[in-house]
Amino acid sequence: MKTSVFLTLGLTMLCSCATYNYAQKVKTISFDDNLSKGQAVGPIRGEDCTWTVMNQQLGGAPTIDKAFINAKNQAGSLASAGFSAVEKADANKQIRYINNATTSNEGFNAYLFGKSCLVVTGVGYR
């Protein structure tokens, strides 16, 4: 009896830590208060990635907020991996809003080396 109580308690605690980093076909995500119609940039992509070396994760798990910031700043994959400063993004290249935003998980696992990414895609407007 005690074993099943501890097992249930352990599984409940394990599941309570889960976070949900997904969006599917969200109509509009705006990054400012300007309500005027913007100029279409076309398909955009932003990602937040975590690397794994010898089964040890380097850094925290990918988050949806960093993926959206990288999409807004049109930062490349090096910026999303932490090799470039996203804060220094060109203001003329920044996206004002995204239509039809969708997130997906991407990456690979080559046993000794791996990459896990949370990717945001949509149609960007300036």
N, C-alpha and C. Protein backbone atom coordinates (compact mmCIF):
# COMPACT_ATOMS: atom_id res chain seq x y z
N MET A 1 0.82 -1.20 0.00
CA MET A 1 0.00 0.00 0.00
C MET A 1 0.86 1.25 0.00
N LYS A 2 1.89 1.30 0.87
CA LYS A 2 2.76 2.48 0.95
C LYS A 2 3.51 2.69 -0.36
N THR A 3 3.92 1.61 -1.00
CA THR A 3 4.66 1.72 -2.25
C THR A 3 3.82 2.40 -3.32
N SER A 4 2.57 2.02 -3.44
CA SER A 4 1.71 2.61 -4.46
C SER A 4 1.44 4.09 -4.18
N VAL A 5 1.35 4.47 -2.90
CA VAL A 5 1.15 5.87 -2.55
C VAL A 5 2.37 6.70 -2.95
N PHE A 6 3.57 6.19 -2.64
CA PHE A 6 4.79 6.90 -3.01
C PHE A 6 4.98 6.95 -4.52
N LEU A 7 4.62 5.87 -5.21
CA LEU A 7 4.73 5.85 -6.66
C LEU A 7 3.78 6.87 -7.28
N THR A 8 2.56 6.92 -6.79
CA THR A 8 1.58 7.89 -7.29
C THR A 8 2.04 9.31 -7.00
N LEU A 9 2.55 9.55 -5.79
CA LEU A 9 3.04 10.86 -5.42
C LEU A 9 4.24 11.25 -6.29
N GLY A 10 5.14 10.31 -6.54
CA GLY A 10 6.31 10.58 -7.38
C GLY A 10 5.93 10.90 -8.81
N LEU A 11 4.98 10.14 -9.37
CA LEU A 11 4.53 10.42 -10.74
C LEU A 11 3.82 11.76 -10.83
N THR A 12 3.04 12.11 -9.82
CA THR A 12 2.36 13.40 -9.80
C THR A 12 3.37 14.53 -9.77
N MET A 13 4.41 14.41 -8.95
CA MET A 13 5.43 15.45 -8.87
C MET A 13 6.20 15.54 -10.17
N LEU A 14 6.47 14.43 -10.82
CA LEU A 14 7.18 14.42 -12.08
C LEU A 14 6.37 15.12 -13.17
N CYS A 15 5.10 14.86 -13.23
CA CYS A 15 4.24 15.45 -14.25
C CYS A 15 3.94 16.92 -13.97
N SER A 16 4.02 17.35 -12.73
CA SER A 16 3.67 18.73 -12.42
C SER A 16 4.73 19.72 -12.89
N CYS A 17 5.90 19.23 -13.30
CA CYS A 17 6.97 20.11 -13.77
C CYS A 17 6.87 20.39 -15.27
N ALA A 18 5.97 19.77 -15.96
CA ALA A 18 5.88 19.92 -17.41
C ALA A 18 5.42 21.32 -17.79
N THR A 19 6.05 21.85 -18.84
CA THR A 19 5.62 23.12 -19.40
C THR A 19 5.24 22.88 -20.85
N TYR A 20 4.37 23.69 -21.36
CA TYR A 20 3.88 23.51 -22.72
C TYR A 20 4.38 24.66 -23.57
N ASN A 21 5.25 24.35 -24.51
CA ASN A 21 5.83 25.34 -25.40
C ASN A 21 5.36 25.08 -26.82
N TYR A 22 4.09 25.26 -27.07
CA TYR A 22 3.61 25.04 -28.42
C TYR A 22 2.50 26.03 -28.77
N ALA A 23 2.37 26.28 -30.06
CA ALA A 23 1.30 27.12 -30.59
C ALA A 23 0.99 26.57 -31.98
N GLN A 24 -0.27 26.53 -32.34
CA GLN A 24 -0.66 26.03 -33.64
C GLN A 24 -1.59 27.03 -34.32
N LYS A 25 -1.12 27.62 -35.41
CA LYS A 25 -1.88 28.53 -36.25
C LYS A 25 -2.53 29.66 -35.45
N VAL A 26 -1.72 30.32 -34.62
CA VAL A 26 -2.19 31.48 -33.87
C VAL A 26 -2.36 32.63 -34.86
N LYS A 27 -3.52 33.26 -34.85
CA LYS A 27 -3.87 34.26 -35.85
C LYS A 27 -2.85 35.39 -35.93
N THR A 28 -2.58 36.07 -34.83
CA THR A 28 -1.64 37.20 -34.82
C THR A 28 -0.90 37.27 -33.50
N ILE A 29 0.41 37.45 -33.59
CA ILE A 29 1.25 37.73 -32.42
C ILE A 29 1.90 39.08 -32.71
N SER A 30 1.61 40.08 -31.87
CA SER A 30 2.15 41.43 -32.08
C SER A 30 3.23 41.72 -31.06
N PHE A 31 4.26 42.45 -31.50
CA PHE A 31 5.36 42.81 -30.62
C PHE A 31 5.34 44.29 -30.23
N ASP A 32 4.40 45.06 -30.77
CA ASP A 32 4.26 46.47 -30.38
C ASP A 32 2.80 46.89 -30.42
N ASP A 33 2.54 48.15 -30.08
CA ASP A 33 1.17 48.65 -29.99
C ASP A 33 0.68 49.31 -31.28
N ASN A 34 1.48 49.31 -32.32
CA ASN A 34 1.11 49.92 -33.59
C ASN A 34 0.08 49.04 -34.28
N LEU A 35 -1.13 49.57 -34.49
CA LEU A 35 -2.21 48.77 -35.06
C LEU A 35 -2.34 48.90 -36.57
N SER A 36 -1.48 49.71 -37.20
CA SER A 36 -1.57 49.88 -38.65
C SER A 36 -1.07 48.62 -39.35
N LYS A 37 -1.58 48.41 -40.57
CA LYS A 37 -1.21 47.24 -41.34
C LYS A 37 0.25 47.36 -41.77
N GLY A 38 0.98 46.28 -41.62
CA GLY A 38 2.40 46.28 -41.96
C GLY A 38 2.68 45.74 -43.34
N GLN A 39 3.94 45.86 -43.75
CA GLN A 39 4.38 45.34 -45.02
C GLN A 39 4.83 43.90 -44.83
N ALA A 40 4.34 43.00 -45.66
CA ALA A 40 4.67 41.58 -45.54
C ALA A 40 6.13 41.34 -45.87
N VAL A 41 6.78 40.57 -45.02
CA VAL A 41 8.17 40.18 -45.23
C VAL A 41 8.23 38.80 -45.86
N GLY A 42 7.24 38.00 -45.60
CA GLY A 42 7.20 36.63 -46.09
C GLY A 42 7.36 35.65 -44.95
N PRO A 43 7.62 34.39 -45.27
CA PRO A 43 7.78 33.39 -44.21
C PRO A 43 9.00 33.71 -43.35
N ILE A 44 8.82 33.59 -42.04
CA ILE A 44 9.92 33.82 -41.11
C ILE A 44 10.09 32.60 -40.21
N ARG A 45 11.23 32.57 -39.56
CA ARG A 45 11.55 31.45 -38.68
C ARG A 45 12.40 31.98 -37.52
N GLY A 46 12.10 31.52 -36.33
CA GLY A 46 12.90 31.83 -35.15
C GLY A 46 13.02 30.56 -34.34
N GLU A 47 14.15 30.38 -33.68
CA GLU A 47 14.34 29.14 -32.93
C GLU A 47 15.13 29.40 -31.65
N ASP A 48 14.92 28.52 -30.70
CA ASP A 48 15.73 28.49 -29.49
C ASP A 48 16.20 27.05 -29.34
N CYS A 49 17.51 26.87 -29.21
CA CYS A 49 18.09 25.52 -29.22
C CYS A 49 18.90 25.24 -27.97
N THR A 50 18.99 23.96 -27.65
CA THR A 50 19.85 23.46 -26.59
C THR A 50 20.67 22.32 -27.17
N TRP A 51 21.96 22.33 -26.83
CA TRP A 51 22.86 21.28 -27.30
C TRP A 51 23.08 20.25 -26.20
N THR A 52 23.33 19.02 -26.61
CA THR A 52 23.62 17.92 -25.69
C THR A 52 24.93 17.28 -26.11
N VAL A 53 25.84 17.14 -25.14
CA VAL A 53 27.13 16.49 -25.39
C VAL A 53 27.28 15.37 -24.37
N MET A 54 27.49 14.16 -24.87
CA MET A 54 27.63 12.97 -24.03
C MET A 54 26.50 12.88 -23.00
N ASN A 55 25.28 13.08 -23.48
CA ASN A 55 24.05 12.96 -22.69
C ASN A 55 23.93 14.02 -21.59
N GLN A 56 24.71 15.10 -21.67
CA GLN A 56 24.61 16.21 -20.72
C GLN A 56 24.10 17.44 -21.46
N GLN A 57 22.98 17.97 -21.01
CA GLN A 57 22.38 19.12 -21.65
C GLN A 57 23.15 20.39 -21.28
N LEU A 58 23.53 21.16 -22.29
CA LEU A 58 24.26 22.41 -22.07
C LEU A 58 23.25 23.56 -22.05
N GLY A 59 22.96 24.07 -20.90
CA GLY A 59 21.97 25.13 -20.77
C GLY A 59 20.59 24.58 -20.48
N GLY A 60 19.65 25.49 -20.36
CA GLY A 60 18.28 25.11 -20.07
C GLY A 60 17.54 24.63 -21.30
N ALA A 61 16.34 24.18 -21.09
CA ALA A 61 15.50 23.70 -22.18
C ALA A 61 15.09 24.87 -23.09
N PRO A 62 14.86 24.61 -24.37
CA PRO A 62 14.40 25.67 -25.27
C PRO A 62 13.06 26.23 -24.79
N THR A 63 12.89 27.55 -24.93
CA THR A 63 11.65 28.18 -24.50
C THR A 63 10.98 28.91 -25.66
N ILE A 64 9.67 29.02 -25.57
CA ILE A 64 8.90 29.65 -26.63
C ILE A 64 9.16 31.16 -26.68
N ASP A 65 9.42 31.80 -25.53
CA ASP A 65 9.64 33.24 -25.55
C ASP A 65 10.94 33.59 -26.27
N LYS A 66 12.00 32.82 -26.09
CA LYS A 66 13.25 33.09 -26.80
C LYS A 66 13.09 32.82 -28.30
N ALA A 67 12.33 31.79 -28.64
CA ALA A 67 12.09 31.50 -30.05
C ALA A 67 11.33 32.65 -30.72
N PHE A 68 10.34 33.23 -30.03
CA PHE A 68 9.60 34.36 -30.59
C PHE A 68 10.48 35.61 -30.68
N ILE A 69 11.36 35.83 -29.70
CA ILE A 69 12.27 36.98 -29.75
C ILE A 69 13.22 36.83 -30.94
N ASN A 70 13.73 35.62 -31.18
CA ASN A 70 14.60 35.39 -32.33
C ASN A 70 13.84 35.56 -33.64
N ALA A 71 12.57 35.19 -33.67
CA ALA A 71 11.75 35.42 -34.87
C ALA A 71 11.54 36.92 -35.09
N LYS A 72 11.26 37.65 -34.01
CA LYS A 72 11.05 39.10 -34.10
C LYS A 72 12.29 39.80 -34.62
N ASN A 73 13.46 39.42 -34.09
CA ASN A 73 14.72 40.07 -34.47
C ASN A 73 15.33 39.50 -35.74
N GLN A 74 14.70 38.47 -36.30
CA GLN A 74 15.23 37.77 -37.47
C GLN A 74 16.66 37.32 -37.23
N ALA A 75 16.90 36.79 -36.02
CA ALA A 75 18.21 36.29 -35.65
C ALA A 75 18.40 34.91 -36.25
N GLY A 76 19.58 34.63 -36.67
CA GLY A 76 19.89 33.33 -37.27
C GLY A 76 20.05 32.25 -36.22
N SER A 77 20.41 31.07 -36.66
CA SER A 77 20.53 29.95 -35.74
C SER A 77 21.70 30.12 -34.79
N LEU A 78 22.75 30.85 -35.18
CA LEU A 78 23.86 31.10 -34.26
C LEU A 78 23.43 31.97 -33.10
N ALA A 79 22.58 32.96 -33.37
CA ALA A 79 22.08 33.82 -32.30
C ALA A 79 21.21 33.02 -31.35
N SER A 80 20.40 32.13 -31.90
CA SER A 80 19.52 31.35 -31.03
C SER A 80 20.30 30.35 -30.20
N ALA A 81 21.50 29.98 -30.64
CA ALA A 81 22.33 29.06 -29.87
C ALA A 81 23.20 29.79 -28.85
N GLY A 82 23.14 31.11 -28.82
CA GLY A 82 23.87 31.88 -27.83
C GLY A 82 25.23 32.36 -28.30
N PHE A 83 25.55 32.24 -29.59
CA PHE A 83 26.85 32.66 -30.10
C PHE A 83 26.88 34.10 -30.58
N SER A 84 25.72 34.76 -30.63
CA SER A 84 25.65 36.13 -31.11
C SER A 84 24.66 36.89 -30.23
N ALA A 85 24.85 38.17 -30.10
CA ALA A 85 23.98 38.98 -29.23
C ALA A 85 22.69 39.34 -29.95
N VAL A 86 21.58 38.84 -29.46
CA VAL A 86 20.28 39.13 -30.06
C VAL A 86 19.86 40.57 -29.75
N GLU A 87 20.33 41.12 -28.63
CA GLU A 87 19.95 42.47 -28.23
C GLU A 87 20.44 43.51 -29.22
N LYS A 88 21.47 43.20 -30.02
CA LYS A 88 22.04 44.14 -30.96
C LYS A 88 21.40 44.02 -32.34
N ALA A 89 20.21 43.47 -32.41
CA ALA A 89 19.53 43.27 -33.69
C ALA A 89 19.20 44.61 -34.34
N ASP A 90 19.24 44.64 -35.66
CA ASP A 90 18.94 45.84 -36.43
C ASP A 90 17.46 46.17 -36.30
N ALA A 91 17.13 47.38 -35.88
CA ALA A 91 15.73 47.79 -35.68
C ALA A 91 14.95 47.79 -36.99
N ASN A 92 15.63 48.02 -38.13
CA ASN A 92 14.96 48.03 -39.42
C ASN A 92 14.57 46.62 -39.88
N LYS A 93 15.21 45.60 -39.34
CA LYS A 93 14.90 44.23 -39.73
C LYS A 93 13.90 43.57 -38.79
N GLN A 94 13.56 44.22 -37.68
CA GLN A 94 12.66 43.62 -36.71
C GLN A 94 11.24 43.49 -37.26
N ILE A 95 10.59 42.44 -36.84
CA ILE A 95 9.22 42.15 -37.23
C ILE A 95 8.27 42.81 -36.23
N ARG A 96 7.19 43.46 -36.72
CA ARG A 96 6.20 44.06 -35.83
C ARG A 96 5.18 43.04 -35.36
N TYR A 97 4.76 42.16 -36.26
CA TYR A 97 3.82 41.11 -35.88
C TYR A 97 3.95 39.90 -36.80
N ILE A 98 3.44 38.78 -36.32
CA ILE A 98 3.48 37.51 -37.06
C ILE A 98 2.06 36.98 -37.18
N ASN A 99 1.69 36.57 -38.37
CA ASN A 99 0.40 35.91 -38.59
C ASN A 99 0.62 34.41 -38.75
N ASN A 100 -0.39 33.63 -38.38
CA ASN A 100 -0.37 32.17 -38.51
C ASN A 100 0.89 31.55 -37.89
N ALA A 101 1.18 31.94 -36.65
CA ALA A 101 2.36 31.44 -35.94
C ALA A 101 2.14 29.99 -35.50
N THR A 102 3.16 29.17 -35.73
CA THR A 102 3.13 27.77 -35.35
C THR A 102 4.50 27.40 -34.78
N THR A 103 4.50 26.56 -33.77
CA THR A 103 5.76 26.08 -33.21
C THR A 103 5.91 24.59 -33.47
N SER A 104 7.16 24.16 -33.54
CA SER A 104 7.45 22.74 -33.70
C SER A 104 8.77 22.42 -33.01
N ASN A 105 8.96 21.17 -32.69
CA ASN A 105 10.21 20.70 -32.10
C ASN A 105 11.06 20.08 -33.20
N GLU A 106 12.32 20.47 -33.24
CA GLU A 106 13.25 19.93 -34.22
C GLU A 106 14.56 19.60 -33.53
N GLY A 107 15.42 18.91 -34.22
CA GLY A 107 16.73 18.59 -33.69
C GLY A 107 17.17 17.21 -34.12
N PHE A 108 18.23 16.74 -33.47
CA PHE A 108 18.75 15.42 -33.77
C PHE A 108 19.46 14.88 -32.53
N ASN A 109 19.68 13.58 -32.52
CA ASN A 109 20.41 12.93 -31.44
C ASN A 109 21.35 11.91 -32.07
N ALA A 110 22.65 12.21 -32.01
CA ALA A 110 23.67 11.31 -32.55
C ALA A 110 24.42 10.61 -31.42
N TYR A 111 23.72 10.24 -30.37
CA TYR A 111 24.22 9.53 -29.19
C TYR A 111 25.20 10.37 -28.36
N LEU A 112 26.32 10.77 -28.92
CA LEU A 112 27.28 11.57 -28.17
C LEU A 112 27.03 13.06 -28.30
N PHE A 113 26.29 13.45 -29.32
CA PHE A 113 26.07 14.86 -29.61
C PHE A 113 24.65 15.03 -30.11
N GLY A 114 23.95 16.04 -29.63
CA GLY A 114 22.58 16.26 -30.06
C GLY A 114 22.17 17.71 -29.98
N LYS A 115 21.04 18.01 -30.58
CA LYS A 115 20.51 19.37 -30.61
C LYS A 115 18.99 19.27 -30.52
N SER A 116 18.41 20.08 -29.64
CA SER A 116 16.96 20.13 -29.47
C SER A 116 16.52 21.57 -29.65
N CYS A 117 15.60 21.81 -30.58
CA CYS A 117 15.17 23.18 -30.88
C CYS A 117 13.65 23.31 -30.80
N LEU A 118 13.22 24.48 -30.38
CA LEU A 118 11.83 24.88 -30.45
C LEU A 118 11.78 25.95 -31.55
N VAL A 119 11.05 25.69 -32.63
CA VAL A 119 11.06 26.53 -33.81
C VAL A 119 9.71 27.21 -33.98
N VAL A 120 9.74 28.53 -34.23
CA VAL A 120 8.54 29.33 -34.52
C VAL A 120 8.55 29.68 -36.00
N THR A 121 7.45 29.43 -36.70
CA THR A 121 7.32 29.82 -38.09
C THR A 121 6.03 30.60 -38.27
N GLY A 122 5.96 31.40 -39.30
CA GLY A 122 4.77 32.19 -39.60
C GLY A 122 5.07 33.16 -40.70
N VAL A 123 4.14 34.10 -40.92
CA VAL A 123 4.31 35.15 -41.92
C VAL A 123 4.61 36.44 -41.16
N GLY A 124 5.75 37.05 -41.44
CA GLY A 124 6.17 38.24 -40.72
C GLY A 124 5.77 39.52 -41.43
N TYR A 125 5.54 40.58 -40.63
CA TYR A 125 5.19 41.91 -41.15
C TYR A 125 6.00 42.95 -40.41
N ARG A 126 6.44 43.98 -41.17
CA ARG A 126 7.16 45.11 -40.57
C ARG A 126 6.26 46.32 -40.49
